[in-house]
N, C-alpha and C. Protein backbone atom coordinates (compact mmCIF):
# COMPACT_ATOMS: atom_id res chain seq x y z
N UNK A 1 40.83 -0.48 -14.08
CA UNK A 1 40.81 0.80 -13.34
C UNK A 1 41.72 1.74 -13.89
N UNK A 2 41.32 3.03 -13.96
CA UNK A 2 42.20 4.13 -14.38
C UNK A 2 42.21 5.09 -13.17
N UNK A 3 43.37 5.28 -12.65
CA UNK A 3 43.49 6.04 -11.46
C UNK A 3 44.30 7.35 -11.71
N UNK A 4 43.67 8.48 -11.47
CA UNK A 4 44.24 9.84 -11.86
C UNK A 4 44.63 10.64 -10.63
N UNK A 5 45.91 10.93 -10.53
CA UNK A 5 46.43 11.67 -9.30
C UNK A 5 46.18 13.13 -9.49
N UNK A 6 46.44 13.92 -8.41
CA UNK A 6 46.25 15.39 -8.43
C UNK A 6 47.45 16.18 -8.61
N UNK A 7 47.34 17.47 -8.68
CA UNK A 7 48.49 18.42 -8.84
C UNK A 7 49.49 18.20 -7.68
N UNK A 8 50.76 18.03 -8.00
CA UNK A 8 51.77 17.93 -6.98
C UNK A 8 51.87 16.53 -6.41
N UNK A 9 51.00 15.65 -6.79
CA UNK A 9 51.17 14.26 -6.38
C UNK A 9 51.83 13.46 -7.54
N UNK A 10 51.88 12.17 -7.34
CA UNK A 10 52.32 11.32 -8.48
C UNK A 10 51.49 10.06 -8.46
N UNK A 11 51.68 9.26 -9.51
CA UNK A 11 50.86 8.18 -9.79
C UNK A 11 50.92 7.12 -8.54
N UNK A 12 51.94 7.20 -7.81
CA UNK A 12 52.04 6.20 -6.72
C UNK A 12 50.98 6.38 -5.56
N UNK A 13 50.44 7.66 -5.41
CA UNK A 13 49.66 8.03 -4.36
C UNK A 13 48.35 7.18 -4.41
N UNK A 14 47.86 6.66 -5.60
CA UNK A 14 46.60 5.92 -5.66
C UNK A 14 46.95 4.40 -5.80
N UNK A 15 48.17 4.08 -5.89
CA UNK A 15 48.56 2.65 -6.05
C UNK A 15 47.87 1.66 -5.05
N UNK A 16 47.87 2.09 -3.78
CA UNK A 16 47.22 1.17 -2.77
C UNK A 16 45.75 0.94 -3.05
N UNK A 17 45.05 1.90 -3.64
CA UNK A 17 43.59 1.73 -4.01
C UNK A 17 43.49 0.75 -5.25
N UNK A 18 44.28 0.99 -6.15
CA UNK A 18 44.26 0.13 -7.37
C UNK A 18 44.78 -1.31 -7.02
N UNK A 19 45.78 -1.48 -6.19
CA UNK A 19 46.26 -2.75 -5.77
C UNK A 19 45.15 -3.44 -4.92
N UNK A 20 44.44 -2.83 -4.17
CA UNK A 20 43.45 -3.46 -3.30
C UNK A 20 42.13 -3.78 -4.09
N UNK A 21 41.69 -2.92 -5.07
CA UNK A 21 40.47 -3.08 -5.67
C UNK A 21 40.37 -3.60 -7.11
N UNK A 22 41.52 -3.58 -7.76
CA UNK A 22 41.57 -4.03 -9.17
C UNK A 22 41.37 -5.57 -9.12
N UNK A 23 40.29 -6.19 -9.70
CA UNK A 23 40.22 -7.60 -9.64
C UNK A 23 41.28 -8.41 -10.36
N UNK A 24 41.56 -9.55 -9.94
CA UNK A 24 42.58 -10.44 -10.49
C UNK A 24 42.25 -10.58 -12.04
N UNK A 25 43.27 -10.44 -12.82
CA UNK A 25 43.10 -10.50 -14.30
C UNK A 25 42.75 -9.15 -14.89
N UNK A 26 42.42 -8.10 -14.09
CA UNK A 26 42.09 -6.86 -14.61
C UNK A 26 43.43 -5.88 -14.56
N UNK A 27 43.28 -4.79 -15.16
CA UNK A 27 44.43 -3.88 -15.17
C UNK A 27 44.15 -2.62 -14.50
N UNK A 28 45.12 -2.18 -13.66
CA UNK A 28 45.08 -0.81 -13.07
C UNK A 28 46.10 0.01 -13.81
N UNK A 29 45.66 1.28 -14.32
CA UNK A 29 46.50 2.10 -15.08
C UNK A 29 46.70 3.39 -14.24
N UNK A 30 48.02 3.72 -14.09
CA UNK A 30 48.27 4.95 -13.29
C UNK A 30 49.10 5.88 -14.20
N UNK A 31 48.42 6.72 -14.96
CA UNK A 31 49.32 7.57 -15.82
C UNK A 31 49.90 8.67 -15.02
N UNK A 32 51.02 9.18 -15.38
CA UNK A 32 51.66 10.45 -14.84
C UNK A 32 51.09 11.54 -15.72
N UNK A 33 50.22 12.40 -15.00
CA UNK A 33 49.65 13.58 -15.78
C UNK A 33 50.74 14.63 -16.09
N UNK A 34 50.44 15.42 -17.13
CA UNK A 34 51.46 16.37 -17.63
C UNK A 34 52.07 17.15 -16.43
N UNK A 35 53.39 17.35 -16.59
CA UNK A 35 54.22 18.05 -15.60
C UNK A 35 54.36 17.23 -14.30
N UNK A 36 54.17 16.01 -14.30
CA UNK A 36 54.29 15.13 -13.25
C UNK A 36 55.09 13.88 -13.58
N UNK A 37 55.88 13.37 -12.72
CA UNK A 37 56.76 12.17 -13.14
C UNK A 37 57.48 12.43 -14.37
N UNK A 38 57.52 11.53 -15.28
CA UNK A 38 58.32 11.69 -16.59
C UNK A 38 57.50 12.30 -17.64
N UNK A 39 56.25 12.84 -17.33
CA UNK A 39 55.44 13.51 -18.35
C UNK A 39 56.05 15.00 -18.55
N UNK A 40 56.00 15.49 -19.78
CA UNK A 40 56.57 16.73 -20.02
C UNK A 40 55.69 17.87 -19.37
N UNK A 41 56.43 19.05 -19.10
CA UNK A 41 55.76 20.16 -18.51
C UNK A 41 55.63 21.36 -19.56
N UNK A 42 54.53 21.52 -20.21
CA UNK A 42 54.44 22.61 -21.23
C UNK A 42 54.35 23.91 -20.58
N UNK A 43 54.59 24.95 -21.36
CA UNK A 43 54.52 26.26 -20.81
C UNK A 43 53.14 26.66 -20.44
N UNK A 44 52.13 26.09 -21.04
CA UNK A 44 50.72 26.34 -20.73
C UNK A 44 49.93 25.11 -21.01
N UNK A 45 48.60 25.02 -20.59
CA UNK A 45 47.86 23.92 -20.85
C UNK A 45 47.60 23.03 -19.64
N UNK A 46 47.12 23.69 -18.55
CA UNK A 46 46.88 22.93 -17.31
C UNK A 46 45.37 22.96 -16.93
N UNK A 47 44.50 23.03 -17.88
CA UNK A 47 43.06 22.95 -17.63
C UNK A 47 42.73 21.46 -17.58
N UNK A 48 41.59 21.21 -16.87
CA UNK A 48 41.15 19.79 -16.83
C UNK A 48 40.89 19.27 -18.19
N UNK A 49 40.60 20.12 -19.18
CA UNK A 49 40.34 19.67 -20.54
C UNK A 49 41.74 19.17 -21.15
N UNK A 50 42.81 19.92 -20.92
CA UNK A 50 44.17 19.55 -21.42
C UNK A 50 44.56 18.15 -20.85
N UNK A 51 44.39 18.03 -19.49
CA UNK A 51 44.68 16.74 -18.90
C UNK A 51 43.84 15.59 -19.42
N UNK A 52 42.54 15.87 -19.61
CA UNK A 52 41.59 14.91 -20.05
C UNK A 52 41.99 14.45 -21.49
N UNK A 53 42.37 15.50 -22.28
CA UNK A 53 42.78 15.08 -23.68
C UNK A 53 44.08 14.18 -23.65
N UNK A 54 45.01 14.44 -22.71
CA UNK A 54 46.09 13.57 -22.62
C UNK A 54 45.58 12.18 -22.24
N UNK A 55 44.85 11.98 -21.27
CA UNK A 55 44.40 10.62 -20.89
C UNK A 55 43.52 9.97 -22.03
N UNK A 56 42.78 10.82 -22.74
CA UNK A 56 42.04 10.25 -23.83
C UNK A 56 42.96 9.67 -24.95
N UNK A 57 44.08 10.20 -25.10
CA UNK A 57 45.00 9.75 -26.06
C UNK A 57 45.54 8.35 -25.82
N UNK A 58 45.32 7.89 -24.53
CA UNK A 58 45.76 6.49 -24.14
C UNK A 58 44.61 5.67 -23.97
N UNK A 59 43.38 6.12 -24.14
CA UNK A 59 42.26 5.32 -23.82
C UNK A 59 41.87 4.19 -24.68
N UNK A 60 42.18 4.28 -25.92
CA UNK A 60 41.81 3.14 -26.90
C UNK A 60 42.23 1.81 -26.50
N UNK A 61 43.42 1.60 -26.04
CA UNK A 61 43.84 0.23 -25.57
C UNK A 61 43.31 -0.27 -24.24
N UNK A 62 42.67 0.64 -23.50
CA UNK A 62 42.21 0.26 -22.21
C UNK A 62 41.01 -0.71 -22.36
N UNK A 63 41.01 -1.80 -21.52
CA UNK A 63 39.92 -2.68 -21.60
C UNK A 63 38.60 -2.00 -21.10
N UNK A 64 37.45 -2.45 -21.65
CA UNK A 64 36.16 -1.82 -21.27
C UNK A 64 35.40 -2.74 -20.51
N UNK A 65 34.52 -2.18 -19.54
CA UNK A 65 34.46 -0.80 -19.16
C UNK A 65 35.55 -0.42 -18.22
N UNK A 66 35.81 0.91 -18.12
CA UNK A 66 36.80 1.39 -17.22
C UNK A 66 36.20 2.04 -16.04
N UNK A 67 36.69 1.74 -14.84
CA UNK A 67 36.23 2.40 -13.56
C UNK A 67 37.33 3.51 -13.31
N UNK A 68 36.88 4.78 -13.33
CA UNK A 68 37.92 5.82 -13.21
C UNK A 68 37.83 6.39 -11.79
N UNK A 69 39.01 6.46 -11.18
CA UNK A 69 39.19 7.11 -9.83
C UNK A 69 40.14 8.26 -9.98
N UNK A 70 39.55 9.46 -9.53
CA UNK A 70 40.40 10.68 -9.52
C UNK A 70 40.55 11.33 -8.21
N UNK A 71 41.77 11.70 -7.81
CA UNK A 71 41.87 12.39 -6.60
C UNK A 71 42.29 13.90 -6.85
N UNK A 72 41.70 14.81 -6.09
CA UNK A 72 42.00 16.18 -6.13
C UNK A 72 41.84 16.68 -7.63
N UNK A 73 42.81 17.38 -8.21
CA UNK A 73 42.61 17.77 -9.62
C UNK A 73 42.40 16.61 -10.55
N UNK A 74 42.89 15.39 -10.21
CA UNK A 74 42.59 14.27 -11.02
C UNK A 74 41.13 13.93 -10.98
N UNK A 75 40.34 14.39 -9.99
CA UNK A 75 38.92 14.16 -10.05
C UNK A 75 38.15 15.10 -11.06
N UNK A 76 38.73 16.37 -11.20
CA UNK A 76 38.11 17.15 -12.33
C UNK A 76 38.53 16.55 -13.71
N UNK A 77 39.78 16.04 -13.83
CA UNK A 77 40.06 15.31 -15.07
C UNK A 77 39.17 14.25 -15.26
N UNK A 78 38.95 13.36 -14.28
CA UNK A 78 38.15 12.17 -14.39
C UNK A 78 36.77 12.55 -14.81
N UNK A 79 36.15 13.62 -14.27
CA UNK A 79 34.87 14.13 -14.63
C UNK A 79 34.76 14.52 -16.08
N UNK A 80 35.72 15.34 -16.58
CA UNK A 80 35.73 15.71 -17.94
C UNK A 80 35.91 14.54 -18.81
N UNK A 81 36.83 13.55 -18.52
CA UNK A 81 36.93 12.40 -19.23
C UNK A 81 35.70 11.54 -19.38
N UNK A 82 35.06 11.36 -18.27
CA UNK A 82 33.78 10.59 -18.29
C UNK A 82 32.68 11.15 -19.14
N UNK A 83 32.59 12.48 -19.14
CA UNK A 83 31.59 13.16 -20.02
C UNK A 83 32.02 12.97 -21.50
N UNK A 84 33.23 13.16 -21.79
CA UNK A 84 33.73 13.12 -23.19
C UNK A 84 33.80 11.71 -23.78
N UNK A 85 34.10 10.74 -22.95
CA UNK A 85 34.13 9.40 -23.51
C UNK A 85 32.83 8.57 -23.29
N UNK A 86 32.00 8.96 -22.38
CA UNK A 86 30.65 8.42 -22.34
C UNK A 86 30.62 7.04 -21.64
N UNK A 87 29.36 6.55 -21.46
CA UNK A 87 29.16 5.36 -20.77
C UNK A 87 29.54 4.07 -21.57
N UNK A 88 29.81 4.21 -22.88
CA UNK A 88 30.33 2.94 -23.54
C UNK A 88 31.79 2.55 -23.11
N UNK A 89 32.53 3.51 -22.63
CA UNK A 89 33.87 3.27 -22.08
C UNK A 89 33.97 3.38 -20.60
N UNK A 90 33.25 4.30 -19.99
CA UNK A 90 33.35 4.56 -18.60
C UNK A 90 32.22 3.90 -17.78
N UNK A 91 32.61 3.05 -16.90
CA UNK A 91 31.63 2.21 -16.15
C UNK A 91 31.24 2.99 -14.90
N UNK A 92 32.16 3.67 -14.23
CA UNK A 92 31.81 4.46 -13.04
C UNK A 92 32.93 5.48 -12.82
N UNK A 93 32.64 6.48 -12.01
CA UNK A 93 33.61 7.57 -11.70
C UNK A 93 33.57 7.82 -10.17
N UNK A 94 34.75 7.77 -9.50
CA UNK A 94 34.92 8.11 -8.07
C UNK A 94 35.76 9.39 -8.05
N UNK A 95 35.15 10.43 -7.47
CA UNK A 95 35.66 11.82 -7.38
C UNK A 95 36.16 12.00 -5.88
N UNK A 96 37.38 11.86 -5.63
CA UNK A 96 37.99 11.90 -4.22
C UNK A 96 38.51 13.30 -3.96
N UNK A 97 37.65 13.95 -3.02
CA UNK A 97 38.12 15.14 -2.33
C UNK A 97 38.47 16.31 -3.30
N UNK A 98 37.43 16.69 -4.08
CA UNK A 98 37.73 17.85 -5.12
C UNK A 98 36.44 18.63 -5.10
N UNK A 99 36.69 20.07 -5.14
CA UNK A 99 35.61 21.01 -5.24
C UNK A 99 35.29 21.15 -6.78
N UNK A 100 34.05 21.32 -7.08
CA UNK A 100 33.55 21.51 -8.46
C UNK A 100 32.97 22.88 -8.70
N UNK A 101 32.65 23.63 -7.63
CA UNK A 101 32.21 24.96 -7.73
C UNK A 101 33.32 26.01 -7.78
N UNK A 102 33.05 27.16 -8.31
CA UNK A 102 34.16 28.17 -8.31
C UNK A 102 34.38 28.73 -6.92
N UNK A 103 35.63 29.15 -6.71
CA UNK A 103 36.04 29.64 -5.45
C UNK A 103 37.30 30.49 -5.57
N UNK A 104 37.12 31.65 -6.11
CA UNK A 104 38.39 32.47 -6.56
C UNK A 104 39.25 32.78 -5.34
N UNK A 105 38.74 32.76 -4.11
CA UNK A 105 39.57 33.02 -2.93
C UNK A 105 40.57 31.98 -2.73
N UNK A 106 40.37 30.80 -3.33
CA UNK A 106 41.36 29.71 -3.15
C UNK A 106 42.44 29.78 -4.24
N UNK A 107 42.24 30.69 -5.22
CA UNK A 107 43.33 30.80 -6.26
C UNK A 107 44.69 31.18 -5.71
N UNK A 108 45.73 30.48 -6.11
CA UNK A 108 47.13 30.82 -5.69
C UNK A 108 47.94 31.15 -6.84
N UNK A 109 48.53 32.31 -6.82
CA UNK A 109 49.45 32.68 -7.94
C UNK A 109 50.84 32.20 -7.61
N UNK A 110 51.20 30.99 -8.04
CA UNK A 110 52.44 30.32 -7.90
C UNK A 110 52.83 29.71 -9.21
N UNK A 111 53.81 28.75 -9.21
CA UNK A 111 54.21 28.09 -10.33
C UNK A 111 53.12 27.43 -11.09
N UNK A 112 52.07 27.06 -10.42
CA UNK A 112 50.90 26.33 -11.03
C UNK A 112 49.77 27.35 -11.25
N UNK A 113 50.05 28.64 -11.37
CA UNK A 113 49.08 29.66 -11.46
C UNK A 113 48.04 29.39 -12.50
N UNK A 114 48.38 28.94 -13.67
CA UNK A 114 47.31 28.67 -14.67
C UNK A 114 46.36 27.51 -14.28
N UNK A 115 46.98 26.49 -13.59
CA UNK A 115 46.15 25.41 -13.16
C UNK A 115 45.30 25.75 -11.97
N UNK A 116 45.81 26.62 -11.12
CA UNK A 116 45.04 27.01 -9.94
C UNK A 116 43.91 27.98 -10.38
N UNK A 117 44.25 28.82 -11.31
CA UNK A 117 43.14 29.72 -11.80
C UNK A 117 42.02 28.86 -12.49
N UNK A 118 42.47 27.99 -13.34
CA UNK A 118 41.42 27.18 -14.03
C UNK A 118 40.73 26.20 -13.09
N UNK A 119 41.26 25.82 -12.08
CA UNK A 119 40.64 24.96 -11.08
C UNK A 119 39.61 25.66 -10.30
N UNK A 120 39.88 26.94 -9.92
CA UNK A 120 39.01 27.60 -8.97
C UNK A 120 38.06 28.63 -9.60
N UNK A 121 38.37 29.09 -10.82
CA UNK A 121 37.66 30.14 -11.52
C UNK A 121 36.26 29.71 -12.07
N UNK A 122 36.27 28.53 -12.65
CA UNK A 122 34.98 28.01 -13.31
C UNK A 122 34.16 27.09 -12.46
N UNK A 123 32.90 27.04 -12.83
CA UNK A 123 32.01 26.12 -12.21
C UNK A 123 31.94 24.85 -12.94
N UNK A 124 32.44 23.74 -12.34
CA UNK A 124 32.47 22.38 -12.91
C UNK A 124 31.35 21.51 -12.35
N UNK A 125 30.45 22.00 -11.54
CA UNK A 125 29.54 21.12 -10.96
C UNK A 125 28.58 20.55 -11.93
N UNK A 126 28.33 21.14 -13.10
CA UNK A 126 27.45 20.55 -14.08
C UNK A 126 28.07 19.18 -14.57
N UNK A 127 29.36 18.98 -14.47
CA UNK A 127 29.83 17.74 -14.96
C UNK A 127 29.31 16.55 -14.16
N UNK A 128 29.19 16.75 -12.93
CA UNK A 128 28.59 15.63 -12.11
C UNK A 128 27.21 15.26 -12.57
N UNK A 129 26.45 16.30 -12.92
CA UNK A 129 25.04 16.05 -13.41
C UNK A 129 25.18 15.43 -14.73
N UNK A 130 26.05 15.84 -15.54
CA UNK A 130 26.17 15.29 -16.95
C UNK A 130 26.51 13.81 -16.85
N UNK A 131 27.50 13.53 -16.02
CA UNK A 131 27.97 12.04 -15.87
C UNK A 131 26.69 11.23 -15.45
N UNK A 132 26.11 11.69 -14.37
CA UNK A 132 24.82 10.94 -13.79
C UNK A 132 23.80 10.78 -14.94
N UNK A 133 23.59 11.85 -15.71
CA UNK A 133 22.51 11.83 -16.72
C UNK A 133 22.76 10.78 -17.77
N UNK A 134 24.05 10.45 -17.95
CA UNK A 134 24.46 9.39 -18.94
C UNK A 134 24.23 8.02 -18.39
N UNK A 135 23.90 7.94 -17.15
CA UNK A 135 23.65 6.68 -16.49
C UNK A 135 24.96 6.09 -15.76
N UNK A 136 25.99 6.86 -15.80
CA UNK A 136 27.18 6.33 -15.20
C UNK A 136 27.18 6.69 -13.73
N UNK A 137 27.38 5.68 -12.93
CA UNK A 137 27.48 5.89 -11.40
C UNK A 137 28.62 6.83 -11.04
N UNK A 138 28.27 7.76 -10.11
CA UNK A 138 29.28 8.69 -9.60
C UNK A 138 29.33 8.63 -8.07
N UNK A 139 30.52 8.50 -7.54
CA UNK A 139 30.69 8.59 -6.15
C UNK A 139 31.56 9.77 -5.84
N UNK A 140 31.15 10.70 -4.99
CA UNK A 140 31.97 11.79 -4.51
C UNK A 140 32.35 11.54 -3.02
N UNK A 141 33.69 11.58 -2.74
CA UNK A 141 34.10 11.33 -1.39
C UNK A 141 34.71 12.63 -0.89
N UNK A 142 34.34 13.10 0.20
CA UNK A 142 34.81 14.45 0.81
C UNK A 142 35.53 14.04 2.17
N UNK A 143 36.78 14.51 2.31
CA UNK A 143 37.38 14.34 3.61
C UNK A 143 37.04 15.37 4.59
N UNK A 144 36.51 14.98 5.78
CA UNK A 144 36.11 15.93 6.86
C UNK A 144 37.11 17.00 7.15
N UNK A 145 38.39 16.65 7.25
CA UNK A 145 39.42 17.60 7.68
C UNK A 145 40.11 18.24 6.57
N UNK A 146 39.62 18.14 5.39
CA UNK A 146 40.35 18.66 4.17
C UNK A 146 39.76 20.15 3.86
N UNK A 147 40.55 21.06 3.57
CA UNK A 147 40.06 22.38 3.08
C UNK A 147 39.67 22.51 1.59
N UNK A 148 39.85 21.34 0.94
CA UNK A 148 39.69 21.48 -0.54
C UNK A 148 38.21 21.78 -0.91
N UNK A 149 37.21 21.17 -0.30
CA UNK A 149 35.88 21.30 -0.57
C UNK A 149 35.39 22.39 0.35
N UNK A 150 35.02 23.60 -0.10
CA UNK A 150 34.48 24.66 0.91
C UNK A 150 33.24 24.10 1.52
N UNK A 151 32.95 24.66 2.80
CA UNK A 151 31.83 24.26 3.53
C UNK A 151 30.54 24.24 2.88
N UNK A 152 30.19 25.39 2.13
CA UNK A 152 28.97 25.52 1.42
C UNK A 152 28.80 24.48 0.34
N UNK A 153 29.83 24.23 -0.46
CA UNK A 153 29.80 23.17 -1.42
C UNK A 153 29.58 21.80 -0.85
N UNK A 154 30.35 21.60 0.23
CA UNK A 154 30.27 20.36 1.05
C UNK A 154 28.86 20.12 1.36
N UNK A 155 28.13 21.09 2.01
CA UNK A 155 26.76 20.94 2.41
C UNK A 155 25.85 20.53 1.25
N UNK A 156 26.08 21.32 0.18
CA UNK A 156 25.27 21.07 -1.00
C UNK A 156 25.38 19.66 -1.63
N UNK A 157 26.70 19.23 -1.68
CA UNK A 157 27.06 17.89 -2.17
C UNK A 157 26.34 16.75 -1.29
N UNK A 158 26.55 16.91 0.04
CA UNK A 158 26.03 15.90 1.01
C UNK A 158 24.50 15.93 0.98
N UNK A 159 23.89 17.06 0.72
CA UNK A 159 22.39 17.15 0.70
C UNK A 159 21.72 16.66 -0.58
N UNK A 160 22.56 16.48 -1.66
CA UNK A 160 21.96 15.92 -2.87
C UNK A 160 21.39 14.52 -2.63
N UNK A 161 20.31 14.33 -3.32
CA UNK A 161 19.62 12.99 -3.12
C UNK A 161 20.48 11.87 -3.69
N UNK A 162 20.70 10.85 -2.92
CA UNK A 162 21.46 9.71 -3.37
C UNK A 162 20.53 8.96 -4.38
N UNK A 163 21.10 8.64 -5.45
CA UNK A 163 20.33 7.90 -6.54
C UNK A 163 21.06 6.77 -7.02
N UNK A 164 20.64 6.08 -8.02
CA UNK A 164 21.33 4.94 -8.60
C UNK A 164 22.63 5.38 -9.22
N UNK A 165 22.60 6.67 -9.67
CA UNK A 165 23.84 7.16 -10.34
C UNK A 165 24.61 8.22 -9.64
N UNK A 166 24.21 8.61 -8.40
CA UNK A 166 25.07 9.56 -7.63
C UNK A 166 24.99 9.22 -6.13
N UNK A 167 26.14 9.32 -5.52
CA UNK A 167 26.22 9.23 -4.02
C UNK A 167 27.41 10.09 -3.60
N UNK A 168 27.24 10.67 -2.35
CA UNK A 168 28.37 11.41 -1.78
C UNK A 168 28.58 10.93 -0.39
N UNK A 169 29.81 10.81 0.05
CA UNK A 169 30.18 10.28 1.36
C UNK A 169 31.15 11.34 2.05
N UNK A 170 30.98 11.56 3.22
CA UNK A 170 31.85 12.24 4.05
C UNK A 170 32.66 11.21 4.92
N UNK A 171 33.93 11.42 4.80
CA UNK A 171 34.85 10.43 5.59
C UNK A 171 35.75 11.18 6.49
N UNK A 172 36.26 10.51 7.54
CA UNK A 172 37.22 11.09 8.35
C UNK A 172 38.54 11.22 7.67
N UNK A 173 39.37 12.19 8.02
CA UNK A 173 40.82 12.35 7.59
C UNK A 173 40.97 13.59 6.82
N UNK A 174 42.16 13.74 6.38
CA UNK A 174 42.62 14.92 5.57
C UNK A 174 42.61 14.64 4.06
N UNK A 175 42.98 15.62 3.31
CA UNK A 175 42.91 15.46 1.87
C UNK A 175 43.75 14.26 1.35
N UNK A 176 44.73 13.87 2.08
CA UNK A 176 45.56 12.60 1.60
C UNK A 176 45.38 11.47 2.58
N UNK A 177 45.18 11.77 3.85
CA UNK A 177 45.24 10.61 4.81
C UNK A 177 44.04 9.65 4.54
N UNK A 178 42.89 10.16 4.14
CA UNK A 178 41.74 9.19 3.88
C UNK A 178 42.05 8.28 2.75
N UNK A 179 43.02 8.60 1.94
CA UNK A 179 43.38 7.69 0.77
C UNK A 179 43.89 6.39 1.43
N UNK A 180 44.74 6.46 2.40
CA UNK A 180 45.25 5.24 3.04
C UNK A 180 44.37 4.68 4.19
N UNK A 181 43.48 5.42 4.74
CA UNK A 181 42.76 5.08 5.92
C UNK A 181 41.36 4.50 5.57
N UNK A 182 40.63 5.10 4.68
CA UNK A 182 39.29 4.65 4.45
C UNK A 182 38.79 4.59 2.98
N UNK A 183 39.64 5.13 1.95
CA UNK A 183 39.26 5.09 0.65
C UNK A 183 38.93 3.67 0.09
N UNK A 184 39.78 2.72 0.35
CA UNK A 184 39.60 1.39 -0.21
C UNK A 184 38.25 0.87 0.29
N UNK A 185 37.87 0.97 1.53
CA UNK A 185 36.57 0.51 2.00
C UNK A 185 35.43 1.18 1.39
N UNK A 186 35.53 2.52 1.37
CA UNK A 186 34.43 3.31 0.75
C UNK A 186 34.20 2.94 -0.72
N UNK A 187 35.28 2.88 -1.44
CA UNK A 187 35.24 2.50 -2.91
C UNK A 187 34.65 1.02 -3.05
N UNK A 188 35.24 0.05 -2.31
CA UNK A 188 34.74 -1.27 -2.26
C UNK A 188 33.23 -1.39 -2.08
N UNK A 189 32.71 -0.58 -1.07
CA UNK A 189 31.21 -0.60 -0.74
C UNK A 189 30.48 -0.04 -1.97
N UNK A 190 31.03 1.02 -2.59
CA UNK A 190 30.38 1.64 -3.79
C UNK A 190 30.34 0.61 -4.92
N UNK A 191 31.45 -0.02 -5.20
CA UNK A 191 31.37 -0.99 -6.27
C UNK A 191 30.49 -2.18 -6.02
N UNK A 192 30.49 -2.62 -4.72
CA UNK A 192 29.57 -3.73 -4.35
C UNK A 192 28.13 -3.30 -4.50
N UNK A 193 27.77 -2.15 -3.97
CA UNK A 193 26.45 -1.72 -4.00
C UNK A 193 25.92 -1.41 -5.47
N UNK A 194 26.88 -0.97 -6.32
CA UNK A 194 26.54 -0.61 -7.71
C UNK A 194 26.61 -1.74 -8.69
N UNK A 195 27.56 -2.63 -8.54
CA UNK A 195 27.74 -3.65 -9.61
C UNK A 195 27.63 -5.01 -9.00
N UNK A 196 27.40 -5.20 -7.61
CA UNK A 196 27.21 -6.48 -7.09
C UNK A 196 28.44 -7.18 -6.76
């Protein structure tokens, strides 16, 4: 399992998920994304493409196939990574509480201004279709009390037809509380239904 945290979090936020779901004998990898933990903070380069390139640099030694779990901005990174590395390396992608449609009113001009602009300015929704079209199973989890996925996008995501390669679940909790309250069960159900 490869678990990717979001902006302002650190790799420990997803450790309970990896600890609970990574099978015995398998490896859970929790990289510190750029400008987090011990990873350097460049003056620029906070797009999902930059983050995905960083993760791709460590991908070669990862056992195959890899189940990728991304939370918040880490979900955008996971989606870019899944498209770029393809189904020969990526077995599944879980996108935890992240918007993929543009929403400039959410842009915040702060110390993460470049990342915030790149997160909210562009439409990344095609990445979900691209991953699914590769045959890679995608699970999108949206937290009911989280403001991260705007209502219109939430409605569109939940109304998408569930297929062998795409499903979307609405769960109770906030942007981070669902990680400890329901994420393990939701992901376990997804892996069981998809992989047996």
